[in-house]
Structures are given as C-alpha cells and as structure tokens.
Amino acid sequence: MIKNIVSVAAAFLGAGMLMTGCNFDQPSAGCIVQDASFANWFAKYDLKEGQNISSDCQAKIIKGETVGVFKFTDPEKANSSVLTIRPRGLYSRAARDPGDPYLQTAVGKLSDTTDAQDFCSATDFSAASVNAGASSSEAATTITYQFENVKVYSAPDAPGTQLSGDLTYTRDNCTAQYTVRAIWPATPCDPESSKPADLCGEGSGINPDFAVECDAGLGICVPSKPIPSFKIDR
C-alpha cells in the first residue's frame, strides 16, 4: 500500500522538480507536516564532530539541500501514518538509475500525536539510495541516505514546518554522519543585500518567529539554532 502511494506521487513529478505535495483527502491528524506543492523543504546538514574524513572524501561532503517531505495516511487503517523524505541528491540523479524509483525515497513510521514538546517522531526509516550511471558531467556514483531519530515540530503556531534528525550519508566509498536541521519553506537569500526580505527577514515568507539566518555558502535561509529554532526559546 505504502509503496503504491509513493510510486504514484513520484509519477506526478515534472522534470527538474523534487517531490512536492499532492492533494489527497485525508482525515484530520494530530501531526501536521507541510508539503504544499509550491514549496519544498531545505535541510541543513551539520557534520558531527569526531569523524575522520579523508582528503579523497572531502569533495563529497554535503552541507545541505532541498528535500521533498510528505506525510501519507491510509484513512481505513489506524496508526498508518508514514513520513517520506526524498533528497535532491537522489532525485537529481533518478533518471540515471534504471532500478526501482521507490528505493530512492526514505519511508518511516510517523506517530499520530505530538509529545509534550510538540514533536511528532518518525522511526524505522528505510534506506534511500540511487545507483546512477555516468553522465556527460558526472561519473557513475552510488549514494545512500539513512535517516534516524527524525522529529517534526508540529505546534499550533508552527504546524509541521521544522524538522530534526540524524543522517548517515554514503557516497561510493565515503561515509559521513550529520545532524539534520530542516525548515519549510525552502527560501533563497542574498547575503550581500540589505533588504530584510533577502536576508530571511520580513517579507521573505518565513515564519517571523523563527530564528533563521542566511547561509552565505548555500545562498539559502537555514535555522540558527537546534530545532525548534525560535527567536525566543521554547
């Protein structure tokens, strides 16, 4: 059932686009996850300390990317909610992988209610991977994402717009572990601008209560603090 849902969602993707939300009629749920069709999430990857990354692997270290994040629920089954994550690093190479596209999406079990801190937990994620053949600009590569300890912050004033977790990322023979801090919507920024709207401030479309900053290297707004990242700590 879940495989069919994810496969159908993937079929709606246009060239050059990530997974975005589809309009499914679903019952009201305690855990809300934003997946509107006009915007994706952005995940900032913080490399965990204590890792020995070889010089050959440094070029394969990633710092962040847009991701498609979805919640699916079977209205005929209790406790059936799942959370799916499809990073750009997989989707952008999908056409070069002749295998099952379902395997390019991480699928985890999502709780139906929030905990005392307004988090919804997602557990037991499948590994998501792509085995991409060579192109005119890139050699053949195999990439795998393994997400763990994923939590979606779903408070009434910030319903499903921040996410945290751990990621083990493997590309060819290189592996790195990250802490994930993600926000919705993915919002580009300009560190050289003086306009608040270009610097993740008023007019940018980001929740004004969020503590965010413009990442000069990525050119996009990222959380300034651990999730939940708010100007006033909660």
Protein backbone atom coordinates (compact mmCIF):
# COMPACT_ATOMS: atom_id res chain seq x y z
CA MET A 1 0.00 0.00 0.00
CA ILE A 2 2.71 2.50 1.00
CA LYS A 3 4.83 1.57 -1.99
CA ASN A 4 1.92 2.24 -4.30
CA ILE A 5 1.25 5.65 -2.73
CA VAL A 6 4.88 6.75 -3.02
CA SER A 7 5.15 5.45 -6.58
CA VAL A 8 2.02 7.35 -7.61
CA ALA A 9 3.38 10.54 -6.02
CA ALA A 10 6.65 10.13 -7.92
CA ALA A 11 4.73 9.82 -11.18
CA PHE A 12 3.43 13.38 -10.78
CA LEU A 13 6.93 14.89 -10.74
CA GLY A 14 7.95 17.12 -13.62
CA ALA A 15 11.48 17.35 -14.96
CA GLY A 16 13.77 19.30 -12.63
CA MET A 17 11.36 19.21 -9.70
CA LEU A 18 11.54 17.48 -6.33
CA MET A 19 8.67 15.60 -4.76
CA THR A 20 6.02 18.14 -3.86
CA GLY A 21 2.65 17.82 -2.19
CA CYS A 22 -0.37 16.23 -3.82
CA ASN A 23 -3.97 16.86 -2.87
CA PHE A 24 -5.14 13.75 -1.01
CA ASP A 25 -8.34 13.85 1.02
CA GLN A 26 -7.25 12.73 4.46
CA PRO A 27 -8.80 12.93 7.90
CA SER A 28 -7.55 15.48 10.39
CA ALA A 29 -4.42 14.30 12.21
CA GLY A 30 -2.55 15.47 15.29
CA CYS A 31 0.77 15.53 13.46
CA ILE A 32 0.87 18.06 10.63
CA VAL A 33 3.62 18.05 8.01
CA GLN A 34 3.78 20.86 5.47
CA ASP A 35 4.08 19.56 1.92
CA ALA A 36 2.42 22.27 -0.17
CA SER A 37 3.00 21.92 -3.88
CA PHE A 38 4.51 25.40 -4.28
CA ALA A 39 7.49 24.87 -1.96
CA ASN A 40 9.95 22.26 -0.75
CA TRP A 41 11.89 21.99 2.50
CA PHE A 42 15.55 22.85 2.96
CA ALA A 43 17.73 20.61 5.12
CA LYS A 44 20.96 21.94 6.63
CA TYR A 45 23.47 19.17 7.35
CA ASP A 46 25.85 19.75 10.26
CA LEU A 47 28.80 17.36 10.21
CA LYS A 48 29.08 15.58 13.57
CA GLU A 49 32.32 16.00 15.47
CA GLY A 50 34.96 13.32 15.85
CA GLN A 51 34.87 11.98 12.29
CA ASN A 52 37.98 11.33 10.27
CA ILE A 53 37.03 12.36 6.74
CA SER A 54 39.84 11.55 4.31
CA SER A 55 41.05 14.11 1.78
CA ASP A 56 39.61 11.97 -1.02
CA CYS A 57 36.17 12.21 0.57
CA GLN A 58 36.16 15.92 1.40
CA ALA A 59 34.77 16.81 -2.02
CA LYS A 60 31.81 14.50 -1.39
CA ILE A 61 30.77 16.16 1.88
CA ILE A 62 27.40 17.87 1.55
CA LYS A 63 26.24 20.88 3.58
CA GLY A 64 22.55 20.99 2.73
CA GLU A 65 19.93 20.59 0.02
CA THR A 66 16.25 20.88 -0.80
CA VAL A 67 14.19 17.85 0.14
CA GLY A 68 10.69 16.61 -0.56
CA VAL A 69 8.92 15.75 2.71
CA PHE A 70 5.49 14.09 2.78
CA LYS A 71 3.05 12.61 5.22
CA PHE A 72 0.76 9.82 4.00
CA THR A 73 -2.10 8.19 5.88
CA ASP A 74 -4.39 5.32 4.92
CA PRO A 75 -7.81 6.57 6.11
CA GLU A 76 -9.01 2.99 6.50
CA LYS A 77 -6.24 1.95 8.90
CA ALA A 78 -5.43 3.22 12.38
CA ASN A 79 -1.83 4.23 13.13
CA SER A 80 -0.92 4.03 9.46
CA SER A 81 0.83 7.39 9.02
CA VAL A 82 4.22 7.39 7.32
CA LEU A 83 6.74 10.14 6.63
CA THR A 84 8.68 10.11 3.38
CA ILE A 85 11.86 12.05 2.61
CA ARG A 86 13.38 12.38 -0.85
CA PRO A 87 16.57 14.47 -1.00
CA ARG A 88 17.62 16.34 -4.12
CA GLY A 89 20.85 14.35 -4.16
CA LEU A 90 18.79 11.32 -5.12
CA TYR A 91 16.09 12.88 -7.24
CA SER A 92 18.53 14.85 -9.40
CA ARG A 93 20.15 11.55 -10.46
CA ALA A 94 16.97 9.47 -10.64
CA ALA A 95 16.85 9.29 -14.42
CA ARG A 96 20.30 7.68 -14.47
CA ASP A 97 19.20 4.81 -12.23
CA PRO A 98 17.31 2.01 -14.04
CA GLY A 99 16.23 0.45 -10.75
CA ASP A 100 13.02 0.78 -8.74
CA PRO A 101 12.35 4.52 -8.10
CA TYR A 102 10.61 3.60 -4.84
CA LEU A 103 14.04 2.83 -3.38
CA GLN A 104 15.03 6.48 -3.83
CA THR A 105 12.63 7.57 -1.09
CA ALA A 106 13.19 7.12 2.66
CA VAL A 107 9.99 5.88 4.34
CA GLY A 108 9.46 5.88 8.11
CA LYS A 109 6.64 5.27 10.57
CA LEU A 110 5.15 8.57 11.80
CA SER A 111 3.41 8.99 15.15
CA ASP A 112 -0.18 10.20 15.08
CA THR A 113 0.09 12.54 18.06
CA THR A 114 2.63 15.03 19.34
CA ASP A 115 4.65 14.54 22.51
CA ALA A 116 4.89 17.01 25.41
CA GLN A 117 7.36 19.15 23.42
CA ASP A 118 5.10 19.30 20.33
CA PHE A 119 7.23 16.87 18.32
CA CYS A 120 5.99 14.03 16.13
CA SER A 121 8.51 11.19 15.92
CA ALA A 122 9.30 9.24 12.76
CA THR A 123 11.12 5.93 13.15
CA ASP A 124 12.28 2.82 11.30
CA PHE A 125 13.27 4.61 8.10
CA SER A 126 14.18 2.58 5.07
CA ALA A 127 17.47 3.47 3.42
CA ALA A 128 17.07 5.61 0.30
CA SER A 129 19.60 5.25 -2.48
CA VAL A 130 20.42 5.81 -6.11
CA ASN A 131 22.81 3.86 -8.32
CA ALA A 132 23.41 6.43 -11.05
CA GLY A 133 25.20 5.72 -14.27
CA ALA A 134 27.72 8.14 -15.74
CA SER A 135 26.61 11.32 -17.49
CA SER A 136 28.46 13.88 -19.60
CA SER A 137 29.26 15.89 -16.45
CA GLU A 138 29.49 13.28 -13.67
CA ALA A 139 30.97 9.83 -13.20
CA ALA A 140 28.82 6.91 -12.14
CA THR A 141 28.02 7.10 -8.43
CA THR A 142 26.10 5.30 -5.70
CA ILE A 143 24.55 7.38 -2.91
CA THR A 144 22.65 6.20 0.16
CA TYR A 145 20.80 8.19 2.84
CA GLN A 146 19.90 6.58 6.16
CA PHE A 147 17.74 8.81 8.37
CA GLU A 148 17.22 8.21 12.09
CA ASN A 149 15.68 9.97 15.09
CA VAL A 150 13.55 12.20 12.88
CA LYS A 151 11.15 14.60 14.61
CA VAL A 152 8.72 17.07 13.08
CA TYR A 153 7.81 20.09 15.20
CA SER A 154 4.04 20.45 14.99
CA ALA A 155 2.86 23.15 17.38
CA PRO A 156 -0.34 25.13 16.63
CA ASP A 157 1.64 28.27 15.70
CA ALA A 158 4.24 26.35 13.68
CA PRO A 159 2.39 23.33 12.27
CA GLY A 160 4.89 20.95 10.74
CA THR A 161 7.40 23.48 9.46
CA GLN A 162 10.60 22.40 11.25
CA LEU A 163 12.29 19.01 11.32
CA SER A 164 15.32 17.48 13.03
CA GLY A 165 17.12 14.17 12.76
CA ASP A 166 20.32 12.26 12.17
CA LEU A 167 21.69 11.23 8.79
CA THR A 168 24.29 8.74 7.69
CA TYR A 169 25.31 9.69 4.14
CA THR A 170 27.34 7.34 1.97
CA ARG A 171 28.62 8.17 -1.48
CA ASP A 172 30.72 5.50 -3.16
CA ASN A 173 33.36 4.63 -0.53
CA CYS A 174 32.86 7.75 1.60
CA THR A 175 30.59 7.93 4.66
CA ALA A 176 29.72 10.90 6.88
CA GLN A 177 27.31 11.42 9.75
CA TYR A 178 25.25 14.58 10.16
CA THR A 179 22.73 16.30 12.35
CA VAL A 180 19.79 17.49 10.24
CA ARG A 181 18.02 20.84 10.78
CA ALA A 182 15.28 21.50 8.24
CA ILE A 183 12.68 24.22 7.72
CA TRP A 184 9.77 24.87 5.38
CA PRO A 185 9.53 26.59 3.00
CA ALA A 186 12.94 26.50 1.32
CA THR A 187 13.77 30.19 0.90
CA PRO A 188 16.75 31.59 -1.04
CA CYS A 189 18.62 34.58 0.36
CA ASP A 190 21.25 37.13 -0.66
CA PRO A 191 23.95 37.79 1.95
CA GLU A 192 25.05 40.92 0.11
CA SER A 193 21.61 42.54 0.22
CA SER A 194 20.44 44.99 2.86
CA LYS A 195 16.75 44.19 2.37
CA PRO A 196 15.13 42.13 5.17
CA ALA A 197 13.22 40.07 2.61
CA ASP A 198 16.54 38.99 1.03
CA LEU A 199 18.04 38.13 4.42
CA CYS A 200 15.39 35.72 5.74
CA GLY A 201 13.52 38.54 7.49
CA GLU A 202 10.22 40.31 7.00
CA GLY A 203 8.83 39.70 3.54
CA SER A 204 10.79 36.50 2.97
CA GLY A 205 7.80 34.24 3.64
CA ILE A 206 9.41 32.56 6.64
CA ASN A 207 7.57 32.46 9.96
CA PRO A 208 8.74 35.70 11.68
CA ASP A 209 9.10 33.84 14.99
CA PHE A 210 11.74 31.50 13.54
CA ALA A 211 15.41 32.04 14.35
CA VAL A 212 16.95 31.83 10.89
CA GLU A 213 19.96 33.20 9.07
CA CYS A 214 21.24 33.50 5.54
CA ASP A 215 23.86 30.86 4.83
CA ALA A 216 26.29 32.68 2.53
CA GLY A 217 27.78 29.49 1.15
CA LEU A 218 24.45 27.89 0.30
CA GLY A 219 22.53 31.06 -0.53
CA ILE A 220 19.51 29.93 1.42
CA CYS A 221 17.84 30.51 4.80
CA VAL A 222 18.73 27.97 7.48
CA PRO A 223 17.85 27.53 11.18
CA SER A 224 20.13 29.43 13.54
CA LYS A 225 19.55 27.07 16.47
CA PRO A 226 18.76 23.42 17.13
CA ILE A 227 15.20 22.50 16.22
CA PRO A 228 12.85 24.04 17.22
CA SER A 229 14.68 27.18 16.17
CA PHE A 230 12.81 30.22 17.50
CA LYS A 231 13.91 33.75 18.36
CA ILE A 232 12.53 33.14 21.86
CA ASP A 233 13.47 29.68 23.13
CA ARG A 234 10.64 27.32 23.98
